[in-house]
Amino acid sequence: AGILGISESAVSQHLRILRTLRLVKSRKDGRLVYYALDDS
């Protein structure tokens, strides 16, 4: 959200779409969820 200058809610909505299409994956660490590209 900080990098893009948009709300966390908007980022989450975009990430949901990207996750659904397997472009990104998530990893939970405590209360935070980290995102990365799904593969090379």
PDB file of all heavy atoms in Angstrom:
ATOM      1  N   ALA A   1       0.838  -1.199   0.000  1.00  0.00           N
ATOM      2  CA  ALA A   1       0.000   0.000   0.000  1.00  0.00           C
ATOM      3  C   ALA A   1       0.872   1.249   0.000  1.00  0.00           C
ATOM      4  O   ALA A   1       0.594   2.216  -0.716  1.00  0.00           O
ATOM      5  CB  ALA A   1      -0.939  -0.005   1.203  1.00  0.00           C
ATOM      6  N   GLY A   2       1.950   1.233   0.783  1.00  0.00           N
ATOM      7  CA  GLY A   2       2.870   2.365   0.823  1.00  0.00           C
ATOM      8  C   GLY A   2       3.587   2.579  -0.496  1.00  0.00           C
ATOM      9  O   GLY A   2       3.738   3.714  -0.953  1.00  0.00           O
ATOM     10  N   ILE A   3       4.006   1.514  -1.113  1.00  0.00           N
ATOM     11  CA  ILE A   3       4.709   1.608  -2.395  1.00  0.00           C
ATOM     12  C   ILE A   3       3.785   2.157  -3.483  1.00  0.00           C
ATOM     13  O   ILE A   3       4.175   3.017  -4.264  1.00  0.00           O
ATOM     14  CB  ILE A   3       5.262   0.221  -2.817  1.00  0.00           C
ATOM     15  CG1 ILE A   3       6.400  -0.208  -1.881  1.00  0.00           C
ATOM     16  CG2 ILE A   3       5.734   0.233  -4.271  1.00  0.00           C
ATOM     17  CD1 ILE A   3       6.815  -1.667  -2.035  1.00  0.00           C
ATOM     18  N   LEU A   4       2.557   1.660  -3.517  1.00  0.00           N
ATOM     19  CA  LEU A   4       1.618   2.035  -4.572  1.00  0.00           C
ATOM     20  C   LEU A   4       0.874   3.325  -4.279  1.00  0.00           C
ATOM     21  O   LEU A   4       0.313   3.934  -5.185  1.00  0.00           O
ATOM     22  CB  LEU A   4       0.615   0.916  -4.820  1.00  0.00           C
ATOM     23  CG  LEU A   4       1.039  -0.169  -5.798  1.00  0.00           C
ATOM     24  CD1 LEU A   4       2.196  -0.986  -5.280  1.00  0.00           C
ATOM     25  CD2 LEU A   4      -0.129  -1.062  -6.128  1.00  0.00           C
ATOM     26  N   GLY A   5       0.824   3.722  -3.009  1.00  0.00           N
ATOM     27  CA  GLY A   5       0.085   4.929  -2.642  1.00  0.00           C
ATOM     28  C   GLY A   5      -1.424   4.732  -2.703  1.00  0.00           C
ATOM     29  O   GLY A   5      -2.152   5.666  -3.034  1.00  0.00           O
ATOM     30  N   ILE A   6      -1.876   3.511  -2.407  1.00  0.00           N
ATOM     31  CA  ILE A   6      -3.310   3.228  -2.359  1.00  0.00           C
ATOM     32  C   ILE A   6      -3.622   2.562  -1.022  1.00  0.00           C
ATOM     33  O   ILE A   6      -2.716   2.180  -0.283  1.00  0.00           O
ATOM     34  CB  ILE A   6      -3.775   2.339  -3.541  1.00  0.00           C
ATOM     35  CG1 ILE A   6      -3.073   0.979  -3.535  1.00  0.00           C
ATOM     36  CG2 ILE A   6      -3.542   3.055  -4.872  1.00  0.00           C
ATOM     37  CD1 ILE A   6      -3.575   0.016  -4.606  1.00  0.00           C
ATOM     38  N   SER A   7      -4.883   2.405  -0.709  1.00  0.00           N
ATOM     39  CA  SER A   7      -5.280   1.856   0.587  1.00  0.00           C
ATOM     40  C   SER A   7      -4.949   0.365   0.690  1.00  0.00           C
ATOM     41  O   SER A   7      -4.843  -0.337  -0.321  1.00  0.00           O
ATOM     42  CB  SER A   7      -6.782   2.055   0.809  1.00  0.00           C
ATOM     43  OG  SER A   7      -7.530   1.206  -0.045  1.00  0.00           O
ATOM     44  N   GLU A   8      -4.811  -0.099   1.932  1.00  0.00           N
ATOM     45  CA  GLU A   8      -4.580  -1.520   2.163  1.00  0.00           C
ATOM     46  C   GLU A   8      -5.758  -2.346   1.665  1.00  0.00           C
ATOM     47  O   GLU A   8      -5.579  -3.449   1.160  1.00  0.00           O
ATOM     48  CB  GLU A   8      -4.322  -1.785   3.647  1.00  0.00           C
ATOM     49  CG  GLU A   8      -2.991  -1.250   4.123  1.00  0.00           C
ATOM     50  CD  GLU A   8      -2.674  -1.627   5.555  1.00  0.00           C
ATOM     51  OE1 GLU A   8      -3.340  -2.539   6.115  1.00  0.00           O
ATOM     52  OE2 GLU A   8      -1.756  -1.020   6.126  1.00  0.00           O
ATOM     53  N   SER A   9      -6.959  -1.807   1.788  1.00  0.00           N
ATOM     54  CA  SER A   9      -8.151  -2.498   1.299  1.00  0.00           C
ATOM     55  C   SER A   9      -8.071  -2.711  -0.215  1.00  0.00           C
ATOM     56  O   SER A   9      -8.379  -3.803  -0.714  1.00  0.00           O
ATOM     57  CB  SER A   9      -9.398  -1.694   1.651  1.00  0.00           C
ATOM     58  OG  SER A   9     -10.540  -2.274   1.098  1.00  0.00           O
ATOM     59  N   ALA A  10      -7.660  -1.681  -0.941  1.00  0.00           N
ATOM     60  CA  ALA A  10      -7.520  -1.792  -2.394  1.00  0.00           C
ATOM     61  C   ALA A  10      -6.442  -2.816  -2.753  1.00  0.00           C
ATOM     62  O   ALA A  10      -6.625  -3.630  -3.666  1.00  0.00           O
ATOM     63  CB  ALA A  10      -7.205  -0.438  -3.020  1.00  0.00           C
ATOM     64  N   VAL A  11      -5.324  -2.789  -2.036  1.00  0.00           N
ATOM     65  CA  VAL A  11      -4.245  -3.758  -2.280  1.00  0.00           C
ATOM     66  C   VAL A  11      -4.772  -5.172  -2.052  1.00  0.00           C
ATOM     67  O   VAL A  11      -4.524  -6.078  -2.855  1.00  0.00           O
ATOM     68  CB  VAL A  11      -3.016  -3.475  -1.383  1.00  0.00           C
ATOM     69  CG1 VAL A  11      -2.017  -4.625  -1.448  1.00  0.00           C
ATOM     70  CG2 VAL A  11      -2.346  -2.180  -1.786  1.00  0.00           C
ATOM     71  N   SER A  12      -5.517  -5.373  -0.975  1.00  0.00           N
ATOM     72  CA  SER A  12      -6.059  -6.694  -0.667  1.00  0.00           C
ATOM     73  C   SER A  12      -6.983  -7.190  -1.773  1.00  0.00           C
ATOM     74  O   SER A  12      -6.958  -8.374  -2.124  1.00  0.00           O
ATOM     75  CB  SER A  12      -6.809  -6.667   0.666  1.00  0.00           C
ATOM     76  OG  SER A  12      -5.911  -6.454   1.729  1.00  0.00           O
ATOM     77  N   GLN A  13      -7.790  -6.304  -2.320  1.00  0.00           N
ATOM     78  CA  GLN A  13      -8.687  -6.694  -3.411  1.00  0.00           C
ATOM     79  C   GLN A  13      -7.893  -7.119  -4.644  1.00  0.00           C
ATOM     80  O   GLN A  13      -8.222  -8.118  -5.299  1.00  0.00           O
ATOM     81  CB  GLN A  13      -9.631  -5.548  -3.761  1.00  0.00           C
ATOM     82  CG  GLN A  13     -10.659  -5.274  -2.685  1.00  0.00           C
ATOM     83  CD  GLN A  13     -11.518  -4.058  -3.002  1.00  0.00           C
ATOM     84  OE1 GLN A  13     -11.539  -3.577  -4.125  1.00  0.00           O
ATOM     85  NE2 GLN A  13     -12.225  -3.566  -1.998  1.00  0.00           N
ATOM     86  N   HIS A  14      -6.840  -6.368  -4.952  1.00  0.00           N
ATOM     87  CA  HIS A  14      -5.991  -6.732  -6.094  1.00  0.00           C
ATOM     88  C   HIS A  14      -5.278  -8.056  -5.837  1.00  0.00           C
ATOM     89  O   HIS A  14      -5.183  -8.900  -6.734  1.00  0.00           O
ATOM     90  CB  HIS A  14      -4.966  -5.641  -6.370  1.00  0.00           C
ATOM     91  CG  HIS A  14      -5.550  -4.386  -6.945  1.00  0.00           C
ATOM     92  ND1 HIS A  14      -6.308  -4.376  -8.093  1.00  0.00           N
ATOM     93  CD2 HIS A  14      -5.477  -3.099  -6.523  1.00  0.00           C
ATOM     94  CE1 HIS A  14      -6.680  -3.137  -8.362  1.00  0.00           C
ATOM     95  NE2 HIS A  14      -6.192  -2.344  -7.421  1.00  0.00           N
ATOM     96  N   LEU A  15      -4.784  -8.258  -4.613  1.00  0.00           N
ATOM     97  CA  LEU A  15      -4.079  -9.492  -4.286  1.00  0.00           C
ATOM     98  C   LEU A  15      -5.002 -10.705  -4.377  1.00  0.00           C
ATOM     99  O   LEU A  15      -4.567 -11.787  -4.776  1.00  0.00           O
ATOM    100  CB  LEU A  15      -3.458  -9.401  -2.890  1.00  0.00           C
ATOM    101  CG  LEU A  15      -2.219  -8.521  -2.790  1.00  0.00           C
ATOM    102  CD1 LEU A  15      -1.874  -8.257  -1.328  1.00  0.00           C
ATOM    103  CD2 LEU A  15      -1.044  -9.150  -3.515  1.00  0.00           C
ATOM    104  N   ARG A  16      -6.263 -10.529  -4.032  1.00  0.00           N
ATOM    105  CA  ARG A  16      -7.223 -11.626  -4.129  1.00  0.00           C
ATOM    106  C   ARG A  16      -7.315 -12.112  -5.578  1.00  0.00           C
ATOM    107  O   ARG A  16      -7.291 -13.315  -5.848  1.00  0.00           O
ATOM    108  CB  ARG A  16      -8.594 -11.189  -3.623  1.00  0.00           C
ATOM    109  CG  ARG A  16      -9.647 -12.290  -3.685  1.00  0.00           C
ATOM    110  CD  ARG A  16     -11.017 -11.812  -3.243  1.00  0.00           C
ATOM    111  NE  ARG A  16     -11.462 -10.594  -3.889  1.00  0.00           N
ATOM    112  CZ  ARG A  16     -11.972 -10.519  -5.131  1.00  0.00           C
ATOM    113  NH1 ARG A  16     -12.092 -11.610  -5.854  1.00  0.00           N
ATOM    114  NH2 ARG A  16     -12.351  -9.367  -5.639  1.00  0.00           N
ATOM    115  N   ILE A  17      -7.381 -11.176  -6.511  1.00  0.00           N
ATOM    116  CA  ILE A  17      -7.444 -11.524  -7.933  1.00  0.00           C
ATOM    117  C   ILE A  17      -6.152 -12.209  -8.374  1.00  0.00           C
ATOM    118  O   ILE A  17      -6.169 -13.235  -9.051  1.00  0.00           O
ATOM    119  CB  ILE A  17      -7.726 -10.265  -8.782  1.00  0.00           C
ATOM    120  CG1 ILE A  17      -9.140  -9.748  -8.487  1.00  0.00           C
ATOM    121  CG2 ILE A  17      -7.528 -10.537 -10.273  1.00  0.00           C
ATOM    122  CD1 ILE A  17      -9.420  -8.356  -8.999  1.00  0.00           C
ATOM    123  N   LEU A  18      -5.022 -11.650  -7.965  1.00  0.00           N
ATOM    124  CA  LEU A  18      -3.730 -12.222  -8.348  1.00  0.00           C
ATOM    125  C   LEU A  18      -3.521 -13.611  -7.750  1.00  0.00           C
ATOM    126  O   LEU A  18      -2.934 -14.488  -8.399  1.00  0.00           O
ATOM    127  CB  LEU A  18      -2.600 -11.270  -7.935  1.00  0.00           C
ATOM    128  CG  LEU A  18      -2.579  -9.918  -8.651  1.00  0.00           C
ATOM    129  CD1 LEU A  18      -1.559  -8.989  -8.003  1.00  0.00           C
ATOM    130  CD2 LEU A  18      -2.307 -10.092 -10.136  1.00  0.00           C
ATOM    131  N   ARG A  19      -4.000 -13.819  -6.521  1.00  0.00           N
ATOM    132  CA  ARG A  19      -3.908 -15.140  -5.883  1.00  0.00           C
ATOM    133  C   ARG A  19      -4.788 -16.154  -6.608  1.00  0.00           C
ATOM    134  O   ARG A  19      -4.379 -17.290  -6.837  1.00  0.00           O
ATOM    135  CB  ARG A  19      -4.329 -15.071  -4.416  1.00  0.00           C
ATOM    136  CG  ARG A  19      -3.206 -14.900  -3.445  1.00  0.00           C
ATOM    137  CD  ARG A  19      -3.594 -15.181  -2.003  1.00  0.00           C
ATOM    138  NE  ARG A  19      -4.988 -14.958  -1.667  1.00  0.00           N
ATOM    139  CZ  ARG A  19      -5.499 -13.821  -1.200  1.00  0.00           C
ATOM    140  NH1 ARG A  19      -4.722 -12.787  -1.006  1.00  0.00           N
ATOM    141  NH2 ARG A  19      -6.777 -13.722  -0.907  1.00  0.00           N
ATOM    142  N   THR A  20      -5.995 -15.737  -6.960  1.00  0.00           N
ATOM    143  CA  THR A  20      -6.935 -16.625  -7.650  1.00  0.00           C
ATOM    144  C   THR A  20      -6.337 -17.140  -8.954  1.00  0.00           C
ATOM    145  O   THR A  20      -6.527 -18.302  -9.316  1.00  0.00           O
ATOM    146  CB  THR A  20      -8.264 -15.896  -7.930  1.00  0.00           C
ATOM    147  OG1 THR A  20      -8.832 -15.491  -6.678  1.00  0.00           O
ATOM    148  CG2 THR A  20      -9.243 -16.771  -8.673  1.00  0.00           C
ATOM    149  N   LEU A  21      -5.597 -16.287  -9.644  1.00  0.00           N
ATOM    150  CA  LEU A  21      -4.982 -16.665 -10.916  1.00  0.00           C
ATOM    151  C   LEU A  21      -3.584 -17.273 -10.741  1.00  0.00           C
ATOM    152  O   LEU A  21      -2.880 -17.501 -11.718  1.00  0.00           O
ATOM    153  CB  LEU A  21      -4.922 -15.450 -11.843  1.00  0.00           C
ATOM    154  CG  LEU A  21      -6.295 -14.949 -12.291  1.00  0.00           C
ATOM    155  CD1 LEU A  21      -6.173 -13.607 -12.996  1.00  0.00           C
ATOM    156  CD2 LEU A  21      -6.974 -15.970 -13.188  1.00  0.00           C
ATOM    157  N   ARG A  22      -3.184 -17.498  -9.499  1.00  0.00           N
ATOM    158  CA  ARG A  22      -1.889 -18.084  -9.152  1.00  0.00           C
ATOM    159  C   ARG A  22      -0.705 -17.249  -9.635  1.00  0.00           C
ATOM    160  O   ARG A  22       0.345 -17.778  -9.982  1.00  0.00           O
ATOM    161  CB  ARG A  22      -1.765 -19.514  -9.676  1.00  0.00           C
ATOM    162  CG  ARG A  22      -2.749 -20.473  -9.059  1.00  0.00           C
ATOM    163  CD  ARG A  22      -2.596 -21.884  -9.544  1.00  0.00           C
ATOM    164  NE  ARG A  22      -2.071 -21.956 -10.893  1.00  0.00           N
ATOM    165  CZ  ARG A  22      -1.195 -22.860 -11.309  1.00  0.00           C
ATOM    166  NH1 ARG A  22      -0.744 -23.768 -10.510  1.00  0.00           N
ATOM    167  NH2 ARG A  22      -0.782 -22.845 -12.562  1.00  0.00           N
ATOM    168  N   LEU A  23      -0.883 -15.930  -9.639  1.00  0.00           N
ATOM    169  CA  LEU A  23       0.237 -15.053  -9.972  1.00  0.00           C
ATOM    170  C   LEU A  23       1.043 -14.733  -8.727  1.00  0.00           C
ATOM    171  O   LEU A  23       2.250 -14.483  -8.803  1.00  0.00           O
ATOM    172  CB  LEU A  23      -0.260 -13.767 -10.631  1.00  0.00           C
ATOM    173  CG  LEU A  23      -0.988 -13.952 -11.966  1.00  0.00           C
ATOM    174  CD1 LEU A  23      -1.508 -12.621 -12.481  1.00  0.00           C
ATOM    175  CD2 LEU A  23      -0.086 -14.600 -12.984  1.00  0.00           C
ATOM    176  N   VAL A  24       0.386 -14.715  -7.571  1.00  0.00           N
ATOM    177  CA  VAL A  24       1.071 -14.507  -6.298  1.00  0.00           C
ATOM    178  C   VAL A  24       0.653 -15.594  -5.315  1.00  0.00           C
ATOM    179  O   VAL A  24      -0.394 -16.226  -5.469  1.00  0.00           O
ATOM    180  CB  VAL A  24       0.795 -13.106  -5.687  1.00  0.00           C
ATOM    181  CG1 VAL A  24       1.247 -11.995  -6.615  1.00  0.00           C
ATOM    182  CG2 VAL A  24      -0.647 -12.943  -5.285  1.00  0.00           C
ATOM    183  N   LYS A  25       1.494 -15.798  -4.325  1.00  0.00           N
ATOM    184  CA  LYS A  25       1.190 -16.734  -3.241  1.00  0.00           C
ATOM    185  C   LYS A  25       1.370 -15.997  -1.926  1.00  0.00           C
ATOM    186  O   LYS A  25       2.007 -14.930  -1.869  1.00  0.00           O
ATOM    187  CB  LYS A  25       2.101 -17.957  -3.315  1.00  0.00           C
ATOM    188  CG  LYS A  25       3.584 -17.637  -3.199  1.00  0.00           C
ATOM    189  CD  LYS A  25       4.422 -18.867  -3.409  1.00  0.00           C
ATOM    190  CE  LYS A  25       5.909 -18.495  -3.406  1.00  0.00           C
ATOM    191  NZ  LYS A  25       6.744 -19.658  -3.690  1.00  0.00           N
ATOM    192  N   SER A  26       0.808 -16.545  -0.866  1.00  0.00           N
ATOM    193  CA  SER A  26       0.894 -15.893   0.437  1.00  0.00           C
ATOM    194  C   SER A  26       1.503 -16.833   1.469  1.00  0.00           C
ATOM    195  O   SER A  26       1.449 -18.054   1.333  1.00  0.00           O
ATOM    196  CB  SER A  26      -0.495 -15.436   0.890  1.00  0.00           C
ATOM    197  OG  SER A  26      -1.367 -16.542   1.012  1.00  0.00           O
ATOM    198  N   ARG A  27       2.078 -16.202   2.499  1.00  0.00           N
ATOM    199  CA  ARG A  27       2.672 -16.937   3.615  1.00  0.00           C
ATOM    200  C   ARG A  27       2.360 -16.160   4.879  1.00  0.00           C
ATOM    201  O   ARG A  27       2.642 -14.967   4.967  1.00  0.00           O
ATOM    202  CB  ARG A  27       4.182 -17.052   3.420  1.00  0.00           C
ATOM    203  CG  ARG A  27       4.920 -17.707   4.591  1.00  0.00           C
ATOM    204  CD  ARG A  27       6.414 -17.684   4.375  1.00  0.00           C
ATOM    205  NE  ARG A  27       6.977 -16.352   4.401  1.00  0.00           N
ATOM    206  CZ  ARG A  27       7.302 -15.673   5.508  1.00  0.00           C
ATOM    207  NH1 ARG A  27       7.086 -16.190   6.704  1.00  0.00           N
ATOM    208  NH2 ARG A  27       7.844 -14.468   5.424  1.00  0.00           N
ATOM    209  N   LYS A  28       1.747 -16.822   5.842  1.00  0.00           N
ATOM    210  CA  LYS A  28       1.397 -16.155   7.092  1.00  0.00           C
ATOM    211  C   LYS A  28       2.539 -16.298   8.084  1.00  0.00           C
ATOM    212  O   LYS A  28       3.106 -17.373   8.264  1.00  0.00           O
ATOM    213  CB  LYS A  28       0.110 -16.750   7.659  1.00  0.00           C
ATOM    214  CG  LYS A  28      -0.454 -15.961   8.791  1.00  0.00           C
ATOM    215  CD  LYS A  28      -1.867 -16.361   9.092  1.00  0.00           C
ATOM    216  CE  LYS A  28      -2.372 -15.408  10.172  1.00  0.00           C
ATOM    217  NZ  LYS A  28      -3.793 -15.427  10.309  1.00  0.00           N
ATOM    218  N   ASP A  29       2.867 -15.183   8.739  1.00  0.00           N
ATOM    219  CA  ASP A  29       3.902 -15.163   9.771  1.00  0.00           C
ATOM    220  C   ASP A  29       3.329 -14.387  10.949  1.00  0.00           C
ATOM    221  O   ASP A  29       3.344 -13.153  10.949  1.00  0.00           O
ATOM    222  CB  ASP A  29       5.171 -14.498   9.235  1.00  0.00           C
ATOM    223  CG  ASP A  29       6.325 -14.564  10.231  1.00  0.00           C
ATOM    224  OD1 ASP A  29       6.228 -15.310  11.226  1.00  0.00           O
ATOM    225  OD2 ASP A  29       7.327 -13.860  10.005  1.00  0.00           O
ATOM    226  N   GLY A  30       2.801 -15.104  11.923  1.00  0.00           N
ATOM    227  CA  GLY A  30       2.132 -14.438  13.033  1.00  0.00           C
ATOM    228  C   GLY A  30       0.856 -13.780  12.542  1.00  0.00           C
ATOM    229  O   GLY A  30       0.010 -14.415  11.929  1.00  0.00           O
ATOM    230  N   ARG A  31       0.760 -12.478  12.766  1.00  0.00           N
ATOM    231  CA  ARG A  31      -0.431 -11.740  12.336  1.00  0.00           C
ATOM    232  C   ARG A  31      -0.294 -11.153  10.931  1.00  0.00           C
ATOM    233  O   ARG A  31      -1.259 -10.634  10.392  1.00  0.00           O
ATOM    234  CB  ARG A  31      -0.726 -10.625  13.341  1.00  0.00           C
ATOM    235  CG  ARG A  31      -1.168 -11.156  14.691  1.00  0.00           C
ATOM    236  CD  ARG A  31      -1.354 -10.082  15.704  1.00  0.00           C
ATOM    237  NE  ARG A  31      -2.086  -8.948  15.153  1.00  0.00           N
ATOM    238  CZ  ARG A  31      -2.671  -8.025  15.865  1.00  0.00           C
ATOM    239  NH1 ARG A  31      -2.619  -8.081  17.165  1.00  0.00           N
ATOM    240  NH2 ARG A  31      -3.299  -7.024  15.285  1.00  0.00           N
ATOM    241  N   LEU A  32       0.890 -11.210  10.386  1.00  0.00           N
ATOM    242  CA  LEU A  32       1.116 -10.643   9.059  1.00  0.00           C
ATOM    243  C   LEU A  32       1.083 -11.714   7.982  1.00  0.00           C
ATOM    244  O   LEU A  32       1.474 -12.856   8.213  1.00  0.00           O
ATOM    245  CB  LEU A  32       2.470  -9.915   8.994  1.00  0.00           C
ATOM    246  CG  LEU A  32       2.582  -8.615   9.770  1.00  0.00           C
ATOM    247  CD1 LEU A  32       4.007  -8.071   9.680  1.00  0.00           C
ATOM    248  CD2 LEU A  32       1.601  -7.585   9.235  1.00  0.00           C
ATOM    249  N   VAL A  33       0.621 -11.313   6.815  1.00  0.00           N
ATOM    250  CA  VAL A  33       0.640 -12.191   5.645  1.00  0.00           C
ATOM    251  C   VAL A  33       1.580 -11.559   4.630  1.00  0.00           C
ATOM    252  O   VAL A  33       1.458 -10.374   4.308  1.00  0.00           O
ATOM    253  CB  VAL A  33      -0.771 -12.360   5.036  1.00  0.00           C
ATOM    254  CG1 VAL A  33      -0.709 -13.247   3.806  1.00  0.00           C
ATOM    255  CG2 VAL A  33      -1.737 -12.931   6.061  1.00  0.00           C
ATOM    256  N   TYR A  34       2.530 -12.337   4.167  1.00  0.00           N
ATOM    257  CA  TYR A  34       3.494 -11.868   3.180  1.00  0.00           C
ATOM    258  C   TYR A  34       3.164 -12.472   1.824  1.00  0.00           C
ATOM    259  O   TYR A  34       2.760 -13.622   1.723  1.00  0.00           O
ATOM    260  CB  TYR A  34       4.919 -12.253   3.585  1.00  0.00           C
ATOM    261  CG  TYR A  34       5.391 -11.493   4.799  1.00  0.00           C
ATOM    262  CD1 TYR A  34       5.210 -12.008   6.076  1.00  0.00           C
ATOM    263  CD2 TYR A  34       5.998 -10.259   4.658  1.00  0.00           C
ATOM    264  CE1 TYR A  34       5.628 -11.301   7.189  1.00  0.00           C
ATOM    265  CE2 TYR A  34       6.417  -9.540   5.769  1.00  0.00           C
ATOM    266  CZ  TYR A  34       6.227 -10.072   7.030  1.00  0.00           C
ATOM    267  OH  TYR A  34       6.637  -9.361   8.134  1.00  0.00           O
ATOM    268  N   TYR A  35       3.370 -11.677   0.797  1.00  0.00           N
ATOM    269  CA  TYR A  35       3.058 -12.086  -0.569  1.00  0.00           C
ATOM    270  C   TYR A  35       4.331 -12.121  -1.394  1.00  0.00           C
ATOM    271  O   TYR A  35       5.247 -11.325  -1.188  1.00  0.00           O
ATOM    272  CB  TYR A  35       2.044 -11.133  -1.198  1.00  0.00           C
ATOM    273  CG  TYR A  35       0.715 -11.217  -0.503  1.00  0.00           C
ATOM    274  CD1 TYR A  35       0.446 -10.439   0.606  1.00  0.00           C
ATOM    275  CD2 TYR A  35      -0.257 -12.112  -0.942  1.00  0.00           C
ATOM    276  CE1 TYR A  35      -0.773 -10.539   1.276  1.00  0.00           C
ATOM    277  CE2 TYR A  35      -1.469 -12.224  -0.284  1.00  0.00           C
ATOM    278  CZ  TYR A  35      -1.717 -11.435   0.821  1.00  0.00           C
ATOM    279  OH  TYR A  35      -2.920 -11.550   1.478  1.00  0.00           O
ATOM    280  N   ALA A  36       4.358 -13.066  -2.334  1.00  0.00           N
ATOM    281  CA  ALA A  36       5.490 -13.218  -3.250  1.00  0.00           C
ATOM    282  C   ALA A  36       4.942 -13.708  -4.585  1.00  0.00           C
ATOM    283  O   ALA A  36       3.803 -14.181  -4.667  1.00  0.00           O
ATOM    284  CB  ALA A  36       6.489 -14.227  -2.692  1.00  0.00           C
ATOM    285  N   LEU A  37       5.743 -13.597  -5.631  1.00  0.00           N
ATOM    286  CA  LEU A  37       5.344 -14.151  -6.919  1.00  0.00           C
ATOM    287  C   LEU A  37       5.218 -15.664  -6.783  1.00  0.00           C
ATOM    288  O   LEU A  37       5.994 -16.295  -6.057  1.00  0.00           O
ATOM    289  CB  LEU A  37       6.361 -13.803  -8.006  1.00  0.00           C
ATOM    290  CG  LEU A  37       6.522 -12.310  -8.315  1.00  0.00           C
ATOM    291  CD1 LEU A  37       7.525 -12.115  -9.446  1.00  0.00           C
ATOM    292  CD2 LEU A  37       5.188 -11.672  -8.660  1.00  0.00           C
ATOM    293  N   ASP A  38       4.239 -16.229  -7.449  1.00  0.00           N
ATOM    294  CA  ASP A  38       3.969 -17.655  -7.300  1.00  0.00           C
ATOM    295  C   ASP A  38       5.135 -18.518  -7.762  1.00  0.00           C
ATOM    296  O   ASP A  38       5.466 -19.503  -7.127  1.00  0.00           O
ATOM    297  CB  ASP A  38       2.698 -18.040  -8.049  1.00  0.00           C
ATOM    298  CG  ASP A  38       2.259 -19.442  -7.721  1.00  0.00           C
ATOM    299  OD1 ASP A  38       1.767 -19.646  -6.601  1.00  0.00           O
ATOM    300  OD2 ASP A  38       2.440 -20.332  -8.573  1.00  0.00           O
ATOM    301  N   ASP A  39       5.756 -18.151  -8.876  1.00  0.00           N
ATOM    302  CA  ASP A  39       6.919 -18.904  -9.345  1.00  0.00           C
ATOM    303  C   ASP A  39       7.707 -18.070 -10.355  1.00  0.00           C
ATOM    304  O   ASP A  39       7.323 -16.947 -10.676  1.00  0.00           O
ATOM    305  CB  ASP A  39       6.527 -20.270  -9.936  1.00  0.00           C
ATOM    306  CG  ASP A  39       5.606 -20.182 -11.129  1.00  0.00           C
ATOM    307  OD1 ASP A  39       5.703 -19.196 -11.904  1.00  0.00           O
ATOM    308  OD2 ASP A  39       4.786 -21.086 -11.318  1.00  0.00           O
ATOM    309  N   SER A  40       8.778 -18.637 -10.855  1.00  0.00           N
ATOM    310  CA  SER A  40       9.670 -17.903 -11.750  1.00  0.00           C
ATOM    311  C   SER A  40       9.017 -17.572 -13.089  1.00  0.00           C
ATOM    312  O   SER A  40       9.459 -16.651 -13.772  1.00  0.00           O
ATOM    313  CB  SER A  40      10.965 -18.687 -11.975  1.00  0.00           C
ATOM    314  OG  SER A  40      10.678 -19.929 -12.592  1.00  0.00           O
TER     315      SER A  40
END
